[in-house]
Amino acid sequence: MTTTTSTVPPTTVVQTTTTSSTSTTTSSTSTTTTVAQTTTTVPIPPTVTPEQATAFATNPEVLATVTAEQATEIFDALDVDTLTDDQLVELVAAVQDAPPTVRAAFEEEIDIFSGATDTYVPLGSTVPVSTRRALIVITTISAVAAVAVRRK
């Protein structure tokens, strides 16, 4: 694992504003401090094994730094059917907080409606996959029932 550290030195900005009129003087001072940031970059190999894909996909720090292409490689190599329940929980949690490009790659490469990632909330949605799947089933049954009633 390669670690790259970027440190931004603390800075202080002092801004003084003075407004004068015949009897009033106002002065204000503001201070801004920038906190040092550390980023971790994990090199993604050209060919990702299922074991590596599991380690990468369940690590939120990795998913926060990979490109869309790397995310696609990771999720393409990931075998969701072999993951434990704990690994699936870690996967959903890591992907849920990932950048939109990584989430889009996840949704393209993984069948999110297979039942393994039921707690995942897809891009552009406010409900988890399990709720969406239930809504789709209810809508389909309602439509079929309506057609069956009209034919009688």
N, C-alpha and C. Protein backbone atom coordinates (compact mmCIF):
# COMPACT_ATOMS: atom_id res chain seq x y z
N MET A 1 0.85 -1.16 0.00
CA MET A 1 0.00 0.00 0.00
C MET A 1 0.90 1.23 0.00
N THR A 2 0.66 2.15 -0.88
CA THR A 2 1.42 3.38 -0.95
C THR A 2 0.64 4.48 -0.25
N THR A 3 1.34 5.24 0.59
CA THR A 3 0.67 6.33 1.28
C THR A 3 1.28 7.64 0.83
N THR A 4 0.43 8.53 0.39
CA THR A 4 0.85 9.86 0.00
C THR A 4 0.26 10.84 0.99
N THR A 5 1.11 11.67 1.56
CA THR A 5 0.61 12.64 2.53
C THR A 5 0.78 14.04 1.97
N SER A 6 -0.30 14.78 1.94
CA SER A 6 -0.27 16.17 1.52
C SER A 6 -0.57 16.99 2.76
N THR A 7 0.36 17.84 3.13
CA THR A 7 0.15 18.65 4.31
C THR A 7 0.06 20.10 3.90
N VAL A 8 -1.01 20.72 4.32
CA VAL A 8 -1.20 22.14 4.07
C VAL A 8 -0.92 22.84 5.38
N PRO A 9 0.05 23.75 5.41
CA PRO A 9 0.35 24.40 6.69
C PRO A 9 -0.83 25.26 7.14
N PRO A 10 -1.03 25.34 8.46
CA PRO A 10 -2.12 26.20 8.95
C PRO A 10 -1.88 27.65 8.51
N THR A 11 -2.94 28.30 8.13
CA THR A 11 -2.83 29.69 7.72
C THR A 11 -3.80 30.52 8.54
N THR A 12 -3.39 31.74 8.76
CA THR A 12 -4.27 32.65 9.48
C THR A 12 -4.50 33.86 8.59
N VAL A 13 -5.76 34.18 8.42
CA VAL A 13 -6.12 35.35 7.64
C VAL A 13 -6.79 36.33 8.59
N VAL A 14 -6.26 37.50 8.66
CA VAL A 14 -6.85 38.52 9.51
C VAL A 14 -7.45 39.57 8.60
N GLN A 15 -8.72 39.81 8.80
CA GLN A 15 -9.43 40.77 7.98
C GLN A 15 -10.02 41.81 8.93
N THR A 16 -9.64 43.02 8.72
CA THR A 16 -10.15 44.09 9.57
C THR A 16 -10.97 45.03 8.72
N THR A 17 -12.17 45.28 9.18
CA THR A 17 -13.06 46.20 8.49
C THR A 17 -13.39 47.32 9.45
N THR A 18 -13.16 48.51 9.01
CA THR A 18 -13.48 49.65 9.86
C THR A 18 -14.47 50.53 9.12
N THR A 19 -15.57 50.81 9.79
CA THR A 19 -16.58 51.70 9.24
C THR A 19 -16.66 52.90 10.16
N SER A 20 -16.49 54.04 9.59
CA SER A 20 -16.52 55.24 10.43
C SER A 20 -17.68 56.13 10.06
N SER A 21 -18.29 56.64 11.05
CA SER A 21 -19.26 57.70 10.88
C SER A 21 -18.97 58.69 12.01
N THR A 22 -19.79 59.63 12.19
CA THR A 22 -19.50 60.66 13.20
C THR A 22 -19.34 60.10 14.60
N SER A 23 -20.10 59.09 14.97
CA SER A 23 -20.00 58.65 16.35
C SER A 23 -19.79 57.14 16.50
N THR A 24 -19.69 56.35 15.39
CA THR A 24 -19.61 54.90 15.51
C THR A 24 -18.39 54.38 14.75
N THR A 25 -17.62 53.49 15.38
CA THR A 25 -16.51 52.81 14.73
C THR A 25 -16.70 51.32 14.97
N THR A 26 -16.68 50.53 13.87
CA THR A 26 -16.86 49.09 13.97
C THR A 26 -15.61 48.41 13.47
N SER A 27 -15.13 47.41 14.19
CA SER A 27 -13.95 46.68 13.78
C SER A 27 -14.23 45.19 13.98
N SER A 28 -13.87 44.36 12.99
CA SER A 28 -14.06 42.92 13.14
C SER A 28 -12.82 42.21 12.65
N THR A 29 -12.52 41.09 13.27
CA THR A 29 -11.36 40.28 12.90
C THR A 29 -11.83 38.85 12.74
N SER A 30 -11.41 38.19 11.64
CA SER A 30 -11.76 36.79 11.46
C SER A 30 -10.48 36.00 11.26
N THR A 31 -10.45 34.78 11.77
CA THR A 31 -9.29 33.91 11.65
C THR A 31 -9.72 32.61 10.99
N THR A 32 -8.96 32.18 9.98
CA THR A 32 -9.25 30.94 9.28
C THR A 32 -8.04 30.03 9.42
N THR A 33 -8.29 28.79 9.84
CA THR A 33 -7.22 27.81 9.95
C THR A 33 -7.54 26.64 9.05
N THR A 34 -6.57 26.23 8.23
CA THR A 34 -6.74 25.10 7.34
C THR A 34 -6.09 23.89 7.97
N VAL A 35 -6.83 22.79 8.04
CA VAL A 35 -6.34 21.57 8.68
C VAL A 35 -5.60 20.73 7.64
N ALA A 36 -4.52 20.11 8.07
CA ALA A 36 -3.74 19.25 7.18
C ALA A 36 -4.56 18.05 6.76
N GLN A 37 -4.44 17.64 5.50
CA GLN A 37 -5.18 16.50 4.99
C GLN A 37 -4.21 15.39 4.60
N THR A 38 -4.62 14.16 4.86
CA THR A 38 -3.82 13.00 4.48
C THR A 38 -4.66 12.15 3.54
N THR A 39 -4.08 11.79 2.41
CA THR A 39 -4.79 10.93 1.48
C THR A 39 -4.00 9.65 1.28
N THR A 40 -4.70 8.56 1.15
CA THR A 40 -4.08 7.27 0.93
C THR A 40 -4.42 6.83 -0.48
N THR A 41 -3.40 6.49 -1.25
CA THR A 41 -3.61 6.01 -2.59
C THR A 41 -3.20 4.55 -2.65
N VAL A 42 -4.12 3.70 -3.06
CA VAL A 42 -3.84 2.28 -3.15
C VAL A 42 -3.66 1.94 -4.62
N PRO A 43 -2.51 1.37 -4.98
CA PRO A 43 -2.33 1.01 -6.38
C PRO A 43 -3.22 -0.18 -6.75
N ILE A 44 -3.97 -0.03 -7.81
CA ILE A 44 -4.86 -1.10 -8.28
C ILE A 44 -4.10 -1.84 -9.38
N PRO A 45 -3.90 -3.15 -9.22
CA PRO A 45 -3.17 -3.90 -10.25
C PRO A 45 -3.96 -3.98 -11.55
N PRO A 46 -3.28 -4.21 -12.67
CA PRO A 46 -3.97 -4.30 -13.97
C PRO A 46 -5.02 -5.40 -14.01
N THR A 47 -4.75 -6.51 -13.35
CA THR A 47 -5.72 -7.60 -13.26
C THR A 47 -6.05 -7.79 -11.79
N VAL A 48 -7.33 -7.59 -11.45
CA VAL A 48 -7.76 -7.68 -10.06
C VAL A 48 -8.34 -9.07 -9.81
N THR A 49 -7.84 -9.74 -8.77
CA THR A 49 -8.38 -11.06 -8.40
C THR A 49 -9.65 -10.85 -7.58
N PRO A 50 -10.49 -11.87 -7.47
CA PRO A 50 -11.69 -11.74 -6.63
C PRO A 50 -11.37 -11.39 -5.17
N GLU A 51 -10.28 -11.93 -4.64
CA GLU A 51 -9.89 -11.62 -3.26
C GLU A 51 -9.49 -10.16 -3.13
N GLN A 52 -8.71 -9.65 -4.10
CA GLN A 52 -8.32 -8.24 -4.09
C GLN A 52 -9.57 -7.36 -4.27
N ALA A 53 -10.46 -7.78 -5.15
CA ALA A 53 -11.68 -7.01 -5.40
C ALA A 53 -12.50 -6.89 -4.12
N THR A 54 -12.58 -7.96 -3.36
CA THR A 54 -13.32 -7.93 -2.09
C THR A 54 -12.66 -6.95 -1.12
N ALA A 55 -11.34 -7.02 -1.02
CA ALA A 55 -10.62 -6.12 -0.11
C ALA A 55 -10.78 -4.66 -0.54
N PHE A 56 -10.70 -4.39 -1.81
CA PHE A 56 -10.83 -3.02 -2.31
C PHE A 56 -12.27 -2.52 -2.18
N ALA A 57 -13.22 -3.34 -2.56
CA ALA A 57 -14.63 -2.91 -2.61
C ALA A 57 -15.23 -2.69 -1.23
N THR A 58 -14.68 -3.33 -0.22
CA THR A 58 -15.21 -3.16 1.13
C THR A 58 -14.45 -2.11 1.94
N ASN A 59 -13.52 -1.43 1.30
CA ASN A 59 -12.71 -0.42 1.96
C ASN A 59 -13.13 0.97 1.49
N PRO A 60 -13.80 1.75 2.33
CA PRO A 60 -14.26 3.08 1.91
C PRO A 60 -13.13 4.02 1.51
N GLU A 61 -11.96 3.88 2.13
CA GLU A 61 -10.82 4.73 1.78
C GLU A 61 -10.35 4.46 0.36
N VAL A 62 -10.35 3.20 -0.04
CA VAL A 62 -9.95 2.85 -1.40
C VAL A 62 -10.98 3.39 -2.39
N LEU A 63 -12.26 3.16 -2.11
CA LEU A 63 -13.31 3.60 -3.04
C LEU A 63 -13.36 5.12 -3.16
N ALA A 64 -12.91 5.82 -2.15
CA ALA A 64 -12.91 7.29 -2.21
C ALA A 64 -11.82 7.83 -3.12
N THR A 65 -10.82 7.00 -3.44
CA THR A 65 -9.69 7.49 -4.22
C THR A 65 -9.56 6.88 -5.62
N VAL A 66 -10.33 5.84 -5.94
CA VAL A 66 -10.18 5.19 -7.24
C VAL A 66 -10.91 5.97 -8.34
N THR A 67 -10.45 5.76 -9.56
CA THR A 67 -11.12 6.36 -10.71
C THR A 67 -12.32 5.49 -11.09
N ALA A 68 -13.13 6.00 -11.98
CA ALA A 68 -14.29 5.23 -12.45
C ALA A 68 -13.83 3.94 -13.14
N GLU A 69 -12.75 4.02 -13.91
CA GLU A 69 -12.23 2.83 -14.60
C GLU A 69 -11.73 1.78 -13.62
N GLN A 70 -11.01 2.24 -12.58
CA GLN A 70 -10.53 1.31 -11.57
C GLN A 70 -11.69 0.69 -10.81
N ALA A 71 -12.70 1.49 -10.52
CA ALA A 71 -13.89 0.96 -9.83
C ALA A 71 -14.56 -0.11 -10.68
N THR A 72 -14.65 0.14 -11.97
CA THR A 72 -15.24 -0.85 -12.88
C THR A 72 -14.46 -2.15 -12.84
N GLU A 73 -13.13 -2.07 -12.85
CA GLU A 73 -12.29 -3.27 -12.77
C GLU A 73 -12.51 -4.01 -11.45
N ILE A 74 -12.60 -3.27 -10.37
CA ILE A 74 -12.80 -3.88 -9.05
C ILE A 74 -14.15 -4.60 -9.00
N PHE A 75 -15.21 -3.91 -9.40
CA PHE A 75 -16.54 -4.50 -9.30
C PHE A 75 -16.75 -5.62 -10.33
N ASP A 76 -16.06 -5.54 -11.45
CA ASP A 76 -16.14 -6.61 -12.44
C ASP A 76 -15.51 -7.90 -11.89
N ALA A 77 -14.45 -7.76 -11.11
CA ALA A 77 -13.78 -8.94 -10.54
C ALA A 77 -14.44 -9.44 -9.26
N LEU A 78 -15.34 -8.65 -8.70
CA LEU A 78 -15.98 -9.00 -7.44
C LEU A 78 -17.02 -10.10 -7.64
N ASP A 79 -16.94 -11.16 -6.84
CA ASP A 79 -17.92 -12.23 -6.88
C ASP A 79 -18.83 -12.09 -5.66
N VAL A 80 -19.94 -11.38 -5.83
CA VAL A 80 -20.85 -11.07 -4.73
C VAL A 80 -21.42 -12.34 -4.11
N ASP A 81 -21.61 -13.39 -4.91
CA ASP A 81 -22.20 -14.63 -4.40
C ASP A 81 -21.33 -15.33 -3.37
N THR A 82 -20.03 -15.06 -3.35
CA THR A 82 -19.13 -15.72 -2.40
C THR A 82 -18.87 -14.88 -1.15
N LEU A 83 -19.43 -13.68 -1.08
CA LEU A 83 -19.19 -12.82 0.08
C LEU A 83 -20.04 -13.25 1.26
N THR A 84 -19.48 -13.09 2.45
CA THR A 84 -20.23 -13.38 3.68
C THR A 84 -21.21 -12.24 3.93
N ASP A 85 -22.13 -12.45 4.86
CA ASP A 85 -23.08 -11.40 5.21
C ASP A 85 -22.35 -10.15 5.73
N ASP A 86 -21.31 -10.35 6.53
CA ASP A 86 -20.55 -9.22 7.05
C ASP A 86 -19.85 -8.46 5.92
N GLN A 87 -19.30 -9.20 4.95
CA GLN A 87 -18.64 -8.55 3.82
C GLN A 87 -19.65 -7.78 2.97
N LEU A 88 -20.86 -8.32 2.83
CA LEU A 88 -21.90 -7.61 2.07
C LEU A 88 -22.29 -6.31 2.77
N VAL A 89 -22.38 -6.34 4.09
CA VAL A 89 -22.68 -5.13 4.86
C VAL A 89 -21.57 -4.10 4.66
N GLU A 90 -20.31 -4.56 4.73
CA GLU A 90 -19.16 -3.67 4.51
C GLU A 90 -19.16 -3.11 3.09
N LEU A 91 -19.50 -3.95 2.12
CA LEU A 91 -19.55 -3.52 0.71
C LEU A 91 -20.57 -2.41 0.52
N VAL A 92 -21.78 -2.63 1.01
CA VAL A 92 -22.84 -1.63 0.84
C VAL A 92 -22.46 -0.33 1.55
N ALA A 93 -21.91 -0.43 2.75
CA ALA A 93 -21.52 0.77 3.49
C ALA A 93 -20.42 1.54 2.76
N ALA A 94 -19.44 0.82 2.22
CA ALA A 94 -18.34 1.48 1.51
C ALA A 94 -18.82 2.13 0.22
N VAL A 95 -19.65 1.44 -0.53
CA VAL A 95 -20.13 1.97 -1.81
C VAL A 95 -21.12 3.11 -1.58
N GLN A 96 -21.93 3.01 -0.55
CA GLN A 96 -22.94 4.04 -0.29
C GLN A 96 -22.30 5.41 -0.09
N ASP A 97 -21.10 5.45 0.50
CA ASP A 97 -20.41 6.71 0.76
C ASP A 97 -19.38 7.06 -0.30
N ALA A 98 -19.28 6.26 -1.35
CA ALA A 98 -18.29 6.50 -2.41
C ALA A 98 -18.75 7.63 -3.33
N PRO A 99 -17.82 8.19 -4.10
CA PRO A 99 -18.19 9.23 -5.08
C PRO A 99 -19.18 8.68 -6.11
N PRO A 100 -19.98 9.55 -6.72
CA PRO A 100 -20.99 9.11 -7.69
C PRO A 100 -20.44 8.27 -8.85
N THR A 101 -19.23 8.57 -9.32
CA THR A 101 -18.67 7.78 -10.43
C THR A 101 -18.41 6.34 -10.01
N VAL A 102 -17.99 6.16 -8.77
CA VAL A 102 -17.73 4.80 -8.24
C VAL A 102 -19.06 4.09 -8.05
N ARG A 103 -20.05 4.79 -7.53
CA ARG A 103 -21.37 4.18 -7.33
C ARG A 103 -21.99 3.79 -8.67
N ALA A 104 -21.80 4.62 -9.69
CA ALA A 104 -22.33 4.28 -11.02
C ALA A 104 -21.65 3.02 -11.55
N ALA A 105 -20.35 2.90 -11.34
CA ALA A 105 -19.63 1.69 -11.76
C ALA A 105 -20.15 0.47 -11.01
N PHE A 106 -20.42 0.62 -9.73
CA PHE A 106 -20.98 -0.46 -8.92
C PHE A 106 -22.32 -0.91 -9.49
N GLU A 107 -23.19 0.05 -9.78
CA GLU A 107 -24.52 -0.27 -10.29
C GLU A 107 -24.48 -0.90 -11.69
N GLU A 108 -23.46 -0.56 -12.48
CA GLU A 108 -23.33 -1.16 -13.81
C GLU A 108 -22.79 -2.59 -13.75
N GLU A 109 -21.87 -2.84 -12.83
CA GLU A 109 -21.19 -4.13 -12.79
C GLU A 109 -21.86 -5.16 -11.89
N ILE A 110 -22.57 -4.71 -10.88
CA ILE A 110 -23.19 -5.63 -9.90
C ILE A 110 -24.70 -5.59 -10.09
N ASP A 111 -25.33 -6.75 -10.05
CA ASP A 111 -26.79 -6.82 -10.12
C ASP A 111 -27.32 -6.46 -8.74
N ILE A 112 -27.66 -5.20 -8.56
CA ILE A 112 -28.07 -4.73 -7.24
C ILE A 112 -29.44 -5.28 -6.83
N PHE A 113 -30.18 -5.85 -7.78
CA PHE A 113 -31.51 -6.40 -7.47
C PHE A 113 -31.46 -7.91 -7.20
N SER A 114 -30.26 -8.47 -7.07
CA SER A 114 -30.13 -9.91 -6.85
C SER A 114 -30.49 -10.32 -5.43
N GLY A 115 -30.59 -9.36 -4.52
CA GLY A 115 -30.91 -9.68 -3.13
C GLY A 115 -29.72 -9.55 -2.20
N ALA A 116 -28.51 -9.51 -2.74
CA ALA A 116 -27.32 -9.43 -1.90
C ALA A 116 -27.09 -8.03 -1.34
N THR A 117 -27.54 -7.02 -2.07
CA THR A 117 -27.28 -5.64 -1.67
C THR A 117 -28.59 -4.89 -1.40
N ASP A 118 -29.50 -5.52 -0.71
CA ASP A 118 -30.83 -4.95 -0.47
C ASP A 118 -30.84 -3.62 0.27
N THR A 119 -29.82 -3.35 1.09
CA THR A 119 -29.82 -2.10 1.86
C THR A 119 -29.19 -0.94 1.10
N TYR A 120 -28.66 -1.19 -0.09
CA TYR A 120 -28.03 -0.14 -0.90
C TYR A 120 -29.10 0.79 -1.48
N VAL A 121 -28.85 2.10 -1.41
CA VAL A 121 -29.74 3.09 -2.01
C VAL A 121 -29.08 3.57 -3.30
N PRO A 122 -29.65 3.21 -4.46
CA PRO A 122 -29.03 3.57 -5.75
C PRO A 122 -28.99 5.08 -5.98
N LEU A 123 -28.13 5.47 -6.91
CA LEU A 123 -28.06 6.87 -7.32
C LEU A 123 -29.44 7.31 -7.81
N GLY A 124 -29.83 8.51 -7.44
CA GLY A 124 -31.11 9.05 -7.89
C GLY A 124 -32.31 8.47 -7.18
N SER A 125 -32.09 7.73 -6.11
CA SER A 125 -33.20 7.13 -5.38
C SER A 125 -33.13 7.55 -3.91
N THR A 126 -34.23 7.44 -3.24
CA THR A 126 -34.25 7.74 -1.80
C THR A 126 -34.62 6.52 -0.98
N VAL A 127 -34.86 5.40 -1.65
CA VAL A 127 -35.22 4.17 -0.95
C VAL A 127 -34.24 3.06 -1.31
N PRO A 128 -34.03 2.12 -0.39
CA PRO A 128 -33.11 1.01 -0.67
C PRO A 128 -33.65 0.07 -1.75
N VAL A 129 -32.77 -0.75 -2.26
CA VAL A 129 -33.10 -1.70 -3.33
C VAL A 129 -34.26 -2.60 -2.93
N SER A 130 -34.30 -3.06 -1.69
CA SER A 130 -35.38 -3.96 -1.26
C SER A 130 -36.74 -3.30 -1.41
N THR A 131 -36.84 -2.03 -1.08
CA THR A 131 -38.10 -1.31 -1.22
C THR A 131 -38.46 -1.12 -2.69
N ARG A 132 -37.47 -0.79 -3.50
CA ARG A 132 -37.72 -0.62 -4.94
C ARG A 132 -38.22 -1.93 -5.55
N ARG A 133 -37.56 -3.04 -5.16
CA ARG A 133 -37.97 -4.33 -5.70
C ARG A 133 -39.40 -4.64 -5.29
N ALA A 134 -39.76 -4.36 -4.05
CA ALA A 134 -41.13 -4.60 -3.59
C ALA A 134 -42.12 -3.74 -4.36
N LEU A 135 -41.78 -2.48 -4.60
CA LEU A 135 -42.66 -1.60 -5.37
C LEU A 135 -42.85 -2.10 -6.80
N ILE A 136 -41.79 -2.62 -7.39
CA ILE A 136 -41.89 -3.17 -8.75
C ILE A 136 -42.81 -4.38 -8.77
N VAL A 137 -42.68 -5.26 -7.79
CA VAL A 137 -43.53 -6.46 -7.72
C VAL A 137 -44.99 -6.05 -7.51
N ILE A 138 -45.24 -5.13 -6.61
CA ILE A 138 -46.61 -4.69 -6.35
C ILE A 138 -47.23 -4.06 -7.59
N THR A 139 -46.46 -3.23 -8.27
CA THR A 139 -46.95 -2.59 -9.49
C THR A 139 -47.25 -3.62 -10.58
N THR A 140 -46.37 -4.60 -10.73
CA THR A 140 -46.57 -5.64 -11.74
C THR A 140 -47.81 -6.47 -11.43
N ILE A 141 -47.97 -6.86 -10.19
CA ILE A 141 -49.14 -7.66 -9.80
C ILE A 141 -50.42 -6.86 -10.00
N SER A 142 -50.39 -5.59 -9.64
CA SER A 142 -51.57 -4.73 -9.83
C SER A 142 -51.94 -4.61 -11.31
N ALA A 143 -50.94 -4.46 -12.16
CA ALA A 143 -51.19 -4.33 -13.59
C ALA A 143 -51.75 -5.63 -14.17
N VAL A 144 -51.19 -6.76 -13.75
CA VAL A 144 -51.68 -8.05 -14.23
C VAL A 144 -53.10 -8.29 -13.73
N ALA A 145 -53.36 -7.95 -12.48
CA ALA A 145 -54.71 -8.14 -11.92
C ALA A 145 -55.72 -7.27 -12.65
N ALA A 146 -55.33 -6.06 -12.99
CA ALA A 146 -56.24 -5.16 -13.71
C ALA A 146 -56.58 -5.71 -15.09
N VAL A 147 -55.61 -6.28 -15.77
CA VAL A 147 -55.85 -6.86 -17.09
C VAL A 147 -56.74 -8.09 -16.95
N ALA A 148 -56.52 -8.92 -15.93
CA ALA A 148 -57.32 -10.12 -15.74
C ALA A 148 -58.78 -9.77 -15.43
N VAL A 149 -59.02 -8.73 -14.68
CA VAL A 149 -60.38 -8.32 -14.34
C VAL A 149 -61.10 -7.80 -15.57
N ARG A 150 -60.44 -7.08 -16.44
CA ARG A 150 -61.07 -6.52 -17.64
C ARG A 150 -61.47 -7.62 -18.63
N ARG A 151 -60.76 -8.73 -18.66
CA ARG A 151 -61.04 -9.80 -19.62
C ARG A 151 -62.25 -10.60 -19.24
N LYS A 152 -62.67 -10.57 -18.01
CA LYS A 152 -63.82 -11.39 -17.58
C LYS A 152 -65.09 -10.84 -18.02
